[in-house]
N, C-alpha and C. Protein backbone atom coordinates (compact mmCIF):
# COMPACT_ATOMS: atom_id res chain seq x y z
N UNK A 1 21.95 5.66 1.89
CA UNK A 1 20.77 5.17 1.20
C UNK A 1 19.74 6.29 1.17
N UNK A 2 19.19 6.52 0.01
CA UNK A 2 18.21 7.57 -0.17
C UNK A 2 16.81 6.98 -0.02
N UNK A 3 16.08 7.41 0.97
CA UNK A 3 14.72 6.89 1.18
C UNK A 3 13.73 7.82 0.52
N UNK A 4 13.24 7.45 -0.64
CA UNK A 4 12.26 8.24 -1.36
C UNK A 4 10.87 7.84 -0.92
N UNK A 5 9.94 8.79 -0.93
CA UNK A 5 8.59 8.44 -0.58
C UNK A 5 7.59 9.37 -1.25
N UNK A 6 6.40 8.90 -1.29
CA UNK A 6 5.28 9.70 -1.77
C UNK A 6 4.14 9.47 -0.80
N UNK A 7 3.40 10.52 -0.48
CA UNK A 7 2.35 10.33 0.51
C UNK A 7 1.15 11.20 0.23
N UNK A 8 0.05 10.81 0.84
CA UNK A 8 -1.17 11.61 0.88
C UNK A 8 -1.65 11.57 2.32
N UNK A 9 -1.85 12.73 2.91
CA UNK A 9 -2.24 12.78 4.30
C UNK A 9 -3.65 13.28 4.52
N UNK A 10 -4.31 13.79 3.51
CA UNK A 10 -5.63 14.38 3.67
C UNK A 10 -6.72 13.37 3.36
N UNK A 11 -7.60 13.08 4.32
CA UNK A 11 -8.70 12.16 4.05
C UNK A 11 -9.56 12.64 2.88
N UNK A 12 -9.78 13.95 2.78
CA UNK A 12 -10.57 14.48 1.69
C UNK A 12 -9.90 14.19 0.35
N UNK A 13 -8.61 14.43 0.28
CA UNK A 13 -7.87 14.20 -0.96
C UNK A 13 -7.85 12.71 -1.28
N UNK A 14 -7.63 11.87 -0.28
CA UNK A 14 -7.57 10.42 -0.51
C UNK A 14 -8.89 9.92 -1.05
N UNK A 15 -9.98 10.36 -0.47
CA UNK A 15 -11.29 9.92 -0.92
C UNK A 15 -11.62 10.48 -2.30
N UNK A 16 -11.20 11.71 -2.54
CA UNK A 16 -11.54 12.39 -3.78
C UNK A 16 -10.87 11.77 -4.99
N UNK A 17 -9.58 11.51 -4.90
CA UNK A 17 -8.89 11.06 -6.11
C UNK A 17 -8.04 9.82 -5.90
N UNK A 18 -8.45 8.96 -5.03
CA UNK A 18 -7.74 7.70 -4.86
C UNK A 18 -6.39 7.86 -4.19
N UNK A 19 -6.26 8.80 -3.30
CA UNK A 19 -5.03 9.04 -2.56
C UNK A 19 -3.85 9.28 -3.49
N UNK A 20 -4.06 10.07 -4.51
CA UNK A 20 -2.95 10.42 -5.39
C UNK A 20 -1.88 11.08 -4.53
N UNK A 21 -0.70 10.54 -4.58
CA UNK A 21 0.37 11.01 -3.72
C UNK A 21 0.83 12.40 -4.13
N UNK A 22 1.09 13.22 -3.15
CA UNK A 22 1.54 14.58 -3.39
C UNK A 22 3.07 14.58 -3.35
N UNK A 23 3.68 14.36 -4.50
CA UNK A 23 5.13 14.34 -4.56
C UNK A 23 5.56 14.80 -5.94
N UNK A 24 6.65 15.51 -5.98
CA UNK A 24 7.19 15.95 -7.25
C UNK A 24 8.06 14.87 -7.86
N UNK A 25 8.39 15.04 -9.12
CA UNK A 25 9.30 14.10 -9.77
C UNK A 25 10.70 14.69 -9.71
N UNK A 26 11.42 14.38 -8.65
CA UNK A 26 12.76 14.95 -8.46
C UNK A 26 13.86 13.98 -8.88
N UNK A 27 13.50 12.95 -9.63
CA UNK A 27 14.50 12.00 -10.09
C UNK A 27 14.79 10.88 -9.11
N UNK A 28 14.19 10.93 -7.91
CA UNK A 28 14.48 9.90 -6.91
C UNK A 28 13.41 8.83 -6.88
N UNK A 29 12.55 8.82 -7.88
CA UNK A 29 11.52 7.80 -7.93
C UNK A 29 10.19 8.23 -7.39
N UNK A 30 10.05 9.50 -6.99
CA UNK A 30 8.79 9.95 -6.39
C UNK A 30 7.61 9.84 -7.33
N UNK A 31 7.83 10.08 -8.62
CA UNK A 31 6.72 9.97 -9.57
C UNK A 31 6.20 8.53 -9.60
N UNK A 32 7.09 7.57 -9.67
CA UNK A 32 6.69 6.15 -9.66
C UNK A 32 6.02 5.79 -8.34
N UNK A 33 6.52 6.31 -7.23
CA UNK A 33 5.94 6.02 -5.93
C UNK A 33 4.55 6.65 -5.79
N UNK A 34 4.38 7.84 -6.33
CA UNK A 34 3.07 8.48 -6.31
C UNK A 34 2.06 7.66 -7.11
N UNK A 35 2.48 7.19 -8.28
CA UNK A 35 1.60 6.35 -9.10
C UNK A 35 1.28 5.05 -8.38
N UNK A 36 2.27 4.47 -7.72
CA UNK A 36 2.05 3.23 -6.97
C UNK A 36 1.07 3.46 -5.82
N UNK A 37 1.25 4.52 -5.07
CA UNK A 37 0.33 4.81 -3.96
C UNK A 37 -1.10 4.92 -4.46
N UNK A 38 -1.29 5.62 -5.55
CA UNK A 38 -2.63 5.78 -6.11
C UNK A 38 -3.22 4.43 -6.52
N UNK A 39 -2.40 3.57 -7.12
CA UNK A 39 -2.88 2.27 -7.57
C UNK A 39 -3.19 1.34 -6.39
N UNK A 40 -2.39 1.38 -5.37
CA UNK A 40 -2.63 0.55 -4.17
C UNK A 40 -3.96 0.97 -3.53
N UNK A 41 -4.22 2.27 -3.48
CA UNK A 41 -5.50 2.75 -2.94
C UNK A 41 -6.65 2.25 -3.80
N UNK A 42 -6.49 2.28 -5.12
CA UNK A 42 -7.54 1.79 -6.01
C UNK A 42 -7.85 0.32 -5.72
N UNK A 43 -6.81 -0.47 -5.53
CA UNK A 43 -7.00 -1.90 -5.24
C UNK A 43 -7.73 -2.07 -3.90
N UNK A 44 -7.33 -1.30 -2.89
CA UNK A 44 -8.01 -1.37 -1.60
C UNK A 44 -9.49 -1.02 -1.75
N UNK A 45 -9.78 0.03 -2.49
CA UNK A 45 -11.18 0.43 -2.69
C UNK A 45 -11.96 -0.69 -3.36
N UNK A 46 -11.35 -1.30 -4.35
CA UNK A 46 -12.01 -2.38 -5.09
C UNK A 46 -12.23 -3.60 -4.19
N UNK A 47 -11.26 -3.95 -3.37
CA UNK A 47 -11.34 -5.15 -2.54
C UNK A 47 -12.17 -4.97 -1.28
N UNK A 48 -12.08 -3.78 -0.66
CA UNK A 48 -12.71 -3.58 0.64
C UNK A 48 -13.85 -2.57 0.63
N UNK A 49 -14.08 -1.93 -0.51
CA UNK A 49 -15.17 -0.97 -0.58
C UNK A 49 -14.80 0.43 -0.15
N UNK A 50 -13.58 0.60 0.36
CA UNK A 50 -13.09 1.94 0.71
C UNK A 50 -11.57 1.88 0.73
N UNK A 51 -10.98 3.02 0.48
CA UNK A 51 -9.52 3.10 0.50
C UNK A 51 -9.04 3.75 1.78
N UNK A 52 -7.75 3.71 2.01
CA UNK A 52 -7.19 4.35 3.19
C UNK A 52 -7.26 5.87 3.06
N UNK A 53 -7.16 6.56 4.19
CA UNK A 53 -7.14 8.01 4.16
C UNK A 53 -5.71 8.55 4.10
N UNK A 54 -4.75 7.67 4.30
CA UNK A 54 -3.35 8.08 4.27
C UNK A 54 -2.53 6.95 3.69
N UNK A 55 -1.66 7.27 2.75
CA UNK A 55 -0.79 6.25 2.16
C UNK A 55 0.58 6.86 1.90
N UNK A 56 1.61 6.08 2.17
CA UNK A 56 2.98 6.48 1.88
C UNK A 56 3.69 5.30 1.24
N UNK A 57 4.36 5.56 0.15
CA UNK A 57 5.16 4.52 -0.50
C UNK A 57 6.63 4.96 -0.45
N UNK A 58 7.49 4.04 -0.05
CA UNK A 58 8.90 4.33 0.14
C UNK A 58 9.76 3.27 -0.55
N UNK A 59 10.93 3.67 -1.01
CA UNK A 59 11.96 2.69 -1.32
C UNK A 59 12.66 2.43 0.00
N UNK A 60 12.79 1.18 0.36
CA UNK A 60 13.47 0.79 1.59
C UNK A 60 14.71 0.01 1.19
N UNK A 61 15.57 0.65 0.45
CA UNK A 61 16.76 0.00 -0.09
C UNK A 61 16.61 -0.14 -1.60
N UNK A 62 17.60 -0.67 -2.26
CA UNK A 62 17.59 -0.72 -3.72
C UNK A 62 16.57 -1.70 -4.30
N UNK A 63 16.16 -2.69 -3.54
CA UNK A 63 15.29 -3.74 -4.07
C UNK A 63 14.02 -3.95 -3.26
N UNK A 64 13.61 -2.94 -2.49
CA UNK A 64 12.43 -3.10 -1.64
C UNK A 64 11.57 -1.84 -1.70
N UNK A 65 10.27 -2.05 -1.88
CA UNK A 65 9.29 -0.96 -1.84
C UNK A 65 8.31 -1.29 -0.73
N UNK A 66 7.99 -0.28 0.07
CA UNK A 66 7.07 -0.47 1.19
C UNK A 66 5.96 0.58 1.08
N UNK A 67 4.72 0.13 1.20
CA UNK A 67 3.56 1.03 1.21
C UNK A 67 2.91 0.94 2.58
N UNK A 68 2.80 2.07 3.26
CA UNK A 68 2.11 2.15 4.54
C UNK A 68 0.75 2.81 4.33
N UNK A 69 -0.28 2.18 4.86
CA UNK A 69 -1.64 2.67 4.67
C UNK A 69 -2.32 2.81 6.03
N UNK A 70 -3.02 3.92 6.22
CA UNK A 70 -3.71 4.15 7.49
C UNK A 70 -5.20 4.35 7.28
N UNK A 71 -5.96 3.97 8.29
CA UNK A 71 -7.41 4.11 8.30
C UNK A 71 -8.02 3.37 7.11
N UNK A 72 -7.82 2.07 7.10
CA UNK A 72 -8.29 1.23 5.99
C UNK A 72 -9.54 0.43 6.33
N UNK A 73 -9.92 0.35 7.61
CA UNK A 73 -11.00 -0.54 8.01
C UNK A 73 -12.37 -0.08 7.51
N UNK A 74 -13.16 -1.07 7.14
CA UNK A 74 -14.56 -0.84 6.80
C UNK A 74 -15.34 -0.72 8.12
N UNK A 75 -16.59 -0.25 8.08
CA UNK A 75 -17.38 -0.20 9.32
C UNK A 75 -17.49 -1.58 10.00
N UNK A 76 -17.66 -2.64 9.22
CA UNK A 76 -17.75 -3.98 9.81
C UNK A 76 -16.44 -4.36 10.49
N UNK A 77 -15.32 -4.01 9.88
CA UNK A 77 -14.01 -4.32 10.49
C UNK A 77 -13.80 -3.50 11.76
N UNK A 78 -14.27 -2.27 11.76
CA UNK A 78 -14.17 -1.45 12.97
C UNK A 78 -14.99 -2.07 14.11
N UNK A 79 -16.14 -2.67 13.76
CA UNK A 79 -16.94 -3.37 14.77
C UNK A 79 -16.18 -4.55 15.34
N UNK A 80 -15.52 -5.34 14.48
CA UNK A 80 -14.70 -6.45 14.96
C UNK A 80 -13.59 -5.95 15.88
N UNK A 81 -12.96 -4.86 15.49
CA UNK A 81 -11.91 -4.26 16.30
C UNK A 81 -12.46 -3.88 17.67
N UNK A 82 -13.62 -3.22 17.69
CA UNK A 82 -14.25 -2.80 18.94
C UNK A 82 -14.65 -3.96 19.83
N UNK A 83 -14.96 -5.11 19.22
CA UNK A 83 -15.34 -6.30 19.98
C UNK A 83 -14.11 -7.08 20.45
N UNK A 84 -12.92 -6.61 20.09
CA UNK A 84 -11.70 -7.31 20.48
C UNK A 84 -11.39 -8.52 19.62
N UNK A 85 -12.03 -8.64 18.48
CA UNK A 85 -11.84 -9.80 17.57
C UNK A 85 -10.65 -9.56 16.62
N UNK A 86 -9.49 -9.28 17.18
CA UNK A 86 -8.31 -8.92 16.39
C UNK A 86 -7.80 -10.08 15.53
N UNK A 87 -7.79 -11.26 16.06
CA UNK A 87 -7.30 -12.40 15.28
C UNK A 87 -8.22 -12.68 14.09
N UNK A 88 -9.52 -12.63 14.32
CA UNK A 88 -10.49 -12.84 13.24
C UNK A 88 -10.34 -11.75 12.17
N UNK A 89 -10.16 -10.52 12.61
CA UNK A 89 -9.97 -9.39 11.70
C UNK A 89 -8.70 -9.56 10.88
N UNK A 90 -7.61 -9.95 11.53
CA UNK A 90 -6.33 -10.20 10.84
C UNK A 90 -6.48 -11.29 9.79
N UNK A 91 -7.10 -12.40 10.18
CA UNK A 91 -7.27 -13.52 9.26
C UNK A 91 -8.12 -13.12 8.05
N UNK A 92 -9.20 -12.41 8.30
CA UNK A 92 -10.08 -12.00 7.22
C UNK A 92 -9.34 -11.05 6.26
N UNK A 93 -8.66 -10.07 6.81
CA UNK A 93 -7.94 -9.09 6.00
C UNK A 93 -6.81 -9.76 5.21
N UNK A 94 -6.07 -10.64 5.85
CA UNK A 94 -4.96 -11.31 5.16
C UNK A 94 -5.45 -12.20 4.03
N UNK A 95 -6.60 -12.82 4.22
CA UNK A 95 -7.17 -13.64 3.16
C UNK A 95 -7.40 -12.80 1.90
N UNK A 96 -8.01 -11.63 2.07
CA UNK A 96 -8.29 -10.76 0.92
C UNK A 96 -7.00 -10.18 0.34
N UNK A 97 -6.06 -9.84 1.20
CA UNK A 97 -4.80 -9.27 0.70
C UNK A 97 -4.09 -10.27 -0.21
N UNK A 98 -3.95 -11.50 0.24
CA UNK A 98 -3.22 -12.48 -0.55
C UNK A 98 -4.04 -12.98 -1.74
N UNK A 99 -5.35 -12.89 -1.67
CA UNK A 99 -6.17 -13.22 -2.83
C UNK A 99 -5.95 -12.20 -3.94
N UNK A 100 -5.49 -11.01 -3.59
CA UNK A 100 -5.24 -9.93 -4.55
C UNK A 100 -3.76 -9.74 -4.83
N UNK A 101 -2.94 -10.67 -4.44
CA UNK A 101 -1.48 -10.52 -4.59
C UNK A 101 -1.07 -10.19 -6.02
N UNK A 102 -1.71 -10.82 -6.99
CA UNK A 102 -1.37 -10.55 -8.39
C UNK A 102 -1.60 -9.10 -8.78
N UNK A 103 -2.69 -8.52 -8.29
CA UNK A 103 -2.98 -7.12 -8.59
C UNK A 103 -1.95 -6.19 -7.94
N UNK A 104 -1.62 -6.50 -6.69
CA UNK A 104 -0.63 -5.67 -5.99
C UNK A 104 0.73 -5.74 -6.70
N UNK A 105 1.17 -6.94 -7.03
CA UNK A 105 2.50 -7.07 -7.66
C UNK A 105 2.52 -6.47 -9.06
N UNK A 106 1.42 -6.57 -9.78
CA UNK A 106 1.36 -5.96 -11.11
C UNK A 106 1.44 -4.44 -11.00
N UNK A 107 0.81 -3.86 -9.99
CA UNK A 107 0.88 -2.42 -9.77
C UNK A 107 2.32 -1.97 -9.52
N UNK A 108 3.05 -2.75 -8.74
CA UNK A 108 4.45 -2.42 -8.46
C UNK A 108 5.29 -2.54 -9.73
N UNK A 109 5.07 -3.59 -10.49
CA UNK A 109 5.81 -3.78 -11.74
C UNK A 109 5.55 -2.62 -12.71
N UNK A 110 4.29 -2.21 -12.81
CA UNK A 110 3.94 -1.10 -13.70
C UNK A 110 4.60 0.20 -13.23
N UNK A 111 4.56 0.47 -11.94
CA UNK A 111 5.10 1.73 -11.41
C UNK A 111 6.63 1.79 -11.44
N UNK A 112 7.27 0.66 -11.15
CA UNK A 112 8.74 0.67 -11.02
C UNK A 112 9.46 0.10 -12.23
N UNK A 113 8.74 -0.66 -13.05
CA UNK A 113 9.39 -1.32 -14.18
C UNK A 113 10.17 -2.55 -13.78
N UNK A 114 9.97 -3.01 -12.55
CA UNK A 114 10.70 -4.17 -12.05
C UNK A 114 9.74 -5.25 -11.57
N UNK A 115 10.16 -6.50 -11.76
CA UNK A 115 9.35 -7.63 -11.30
C UNK A 115 9.46 -7.77 -9.78
N UNK A 116 8.37 -8.27 -9.20
CA UNK A 116 8.33 -8.48 -7.75
C UNK A 116 8.73 -9.91 -7.45
N UNK A 117 9.70 -10.04 -6.58
CA UNK A 117 10.19 -11.36 -6.15
C UNK A 117 9.37 -11.90 -4.99
N UNK A 118 8.91 -11.00 -4.11
CA UNK A 118 8.16 -11.43 -2.92
C UNK A 118 7.20 -10.32 -2.49
N UNK A 119 6.01 -10.73 -2.05
CA UNK A 119 4.98 -9.82 -1.55
C UNK A 119 4.68 -10.21 -0.11
N UNK A 120 4.75 -9.23 0.79
CA UNK A 120 4.50 -9.47 2.21
C UNK A 120 3.49 -8.44 2.68
N UNK A 121 2.40 -8.90 3.27
CA UNK A 121 1.34 -8.01 3.72
C UNK A 121 1.15 -8.17 5.22
N UNK A 122 0.94 -7.06 5.89
CA UNK A 122 0.70 -7.12 7.33
C UNK A 122 -0.24 -6.01 7.77
N UNK A 123 -0.83 -6.18 8.94
CA UNK A 123 -1.74 -5.17 9.47
C UNK A 123 -1.68 -5.17 10.99
N UNK A 124 -1.72 -3.99 11.56
CA UNK A 124 -1.85 -3.82 13.00
C UNK A 124 -3.31 -3.51 13.26
N UNK A 125 -4.03 -4.44 13.83
CA UNK A 125 -5.47 -4.27 14.02
C UNK A 125 -5.81 -3.30 15.16
N UNK A 126 -4.84 -2.99 15.99
CA UNK A 126 -5.09 -2.01 17.05
C UNK A 126 -5.10 -0.59 16.50
N UNK A 127 -4.14 -0.29 15.61
CA UNK A 127 -4.01 1.08 15.12
C UNK A 127 -4.52 1.28 13.70
N UNK A 128 -5.01 0.21 13.04
CA UNK A 128 -5.51 0.29 11.67
C UNK A 128 -4.45 0.85 10.73
N UNK A 129 -3.27 0.26 10.81
CA UNK A 129 -2.18 0.58 9.89
C UNK A 129 -1.78 -0.71 9.19
N UNK A 130 -1.76 -0.64 7.85
CA UNK A 130 -1.37 -1.79 7.04
C UNK A 130 -0.05 -1.49 6.36
N UNK A 131 0.67 -2.55 6.04
CA UNK A 131 1.95 -2.43 5.37
C UNK A 131 2.02 -3.46 4.26
N UNK A 132 2.30 -3.00 3.06
CA UNK A 132 2.51 -3.89 1.92
C UNK A 132 3.97 -3.74 1.53
N UNK A 133 4.71 -4.84 1.58
CA UNK A 133 6.14 -4.82 1.27
C UNK A 133 6.37 -5.65 0.01
N UNK A 134 7.16 -5.11 -0.88
CA UNK A 134 7.47 -5.77 -2.15
C UNK A 134 8.98 -5.86 -2.30
N UNK A 135 9.48 -7.06 -2.37
CA UNK A 135 10.90 -7.28 -2.63
C UNK A 135 11.04 -7.47 -4.13
N UNK A 136 11.85 -6.64 -4.75
CA UNK A 136 11.98 -6.63 -6.20
C UNK A 136 13.12 -7.51 -6.66
N UNK A 137 13.00 -7.98 -7.90
CA UNK A 137 14.13 -8.68 -8.52
C UNK A 137 15.28 -7.70 -8.62
N UNK A 138 16.52 -8.14 -8.40
CA UNK A 138 17.65 -7.22 -8.51
C UNK A 138 17.72 -6.61 -9.91
N UNK A 139 18.14 -5.35 -9.95
CA UNK A 139 18.30 -4.70 -11.24
C UNK A 139 19.51 -5.28 -11.94
N UNK A 140 19.37 -5.46 -13.23
CA UNK A 140 20.50 -5.94 -14.01
C UNK A 140 21.25 -4.75 -14.56
N UNK A 141 22.58 -4.80 -14.53
CA UNK A 141 23.35 -3.67 -15.04
C UNK A 141 23.07 -3.44 -16.52
N UNK A 142 22.99 -2.19 -16.89
CA UNK A 142 22.68 -1.85 -18.28
C UNK A 142 23.90 -1.91 -19.16
């Protein structure tokens, strides 16, 4: 299985241009993954007021795309984290993530050309790492 990915690791670059992924188009889907990473960052900025400083989008098998995002918390969320309010932070973040599910799935459809069968969002409130997983409809043979 070929695990393709696109990533942005520079906070300056992520803030400057919406975490446009630094990946070439080598035929393994990196161009689509780079576009997806950039769009996921745009959605985060729109929903939370800031985007992550690091994003990686991977194919995790033939029908699954996973986006890992780091340093996504707003100052208010960092305060909740510092106060030990992890459950409250998780609930608040998940509410906004699923309220934006249509935007996330549309971004994946646009980038990959495939419909999303399932959207799964998660966050580790200790390390400020989020994961957006998209299970795609199986490809139909051409």
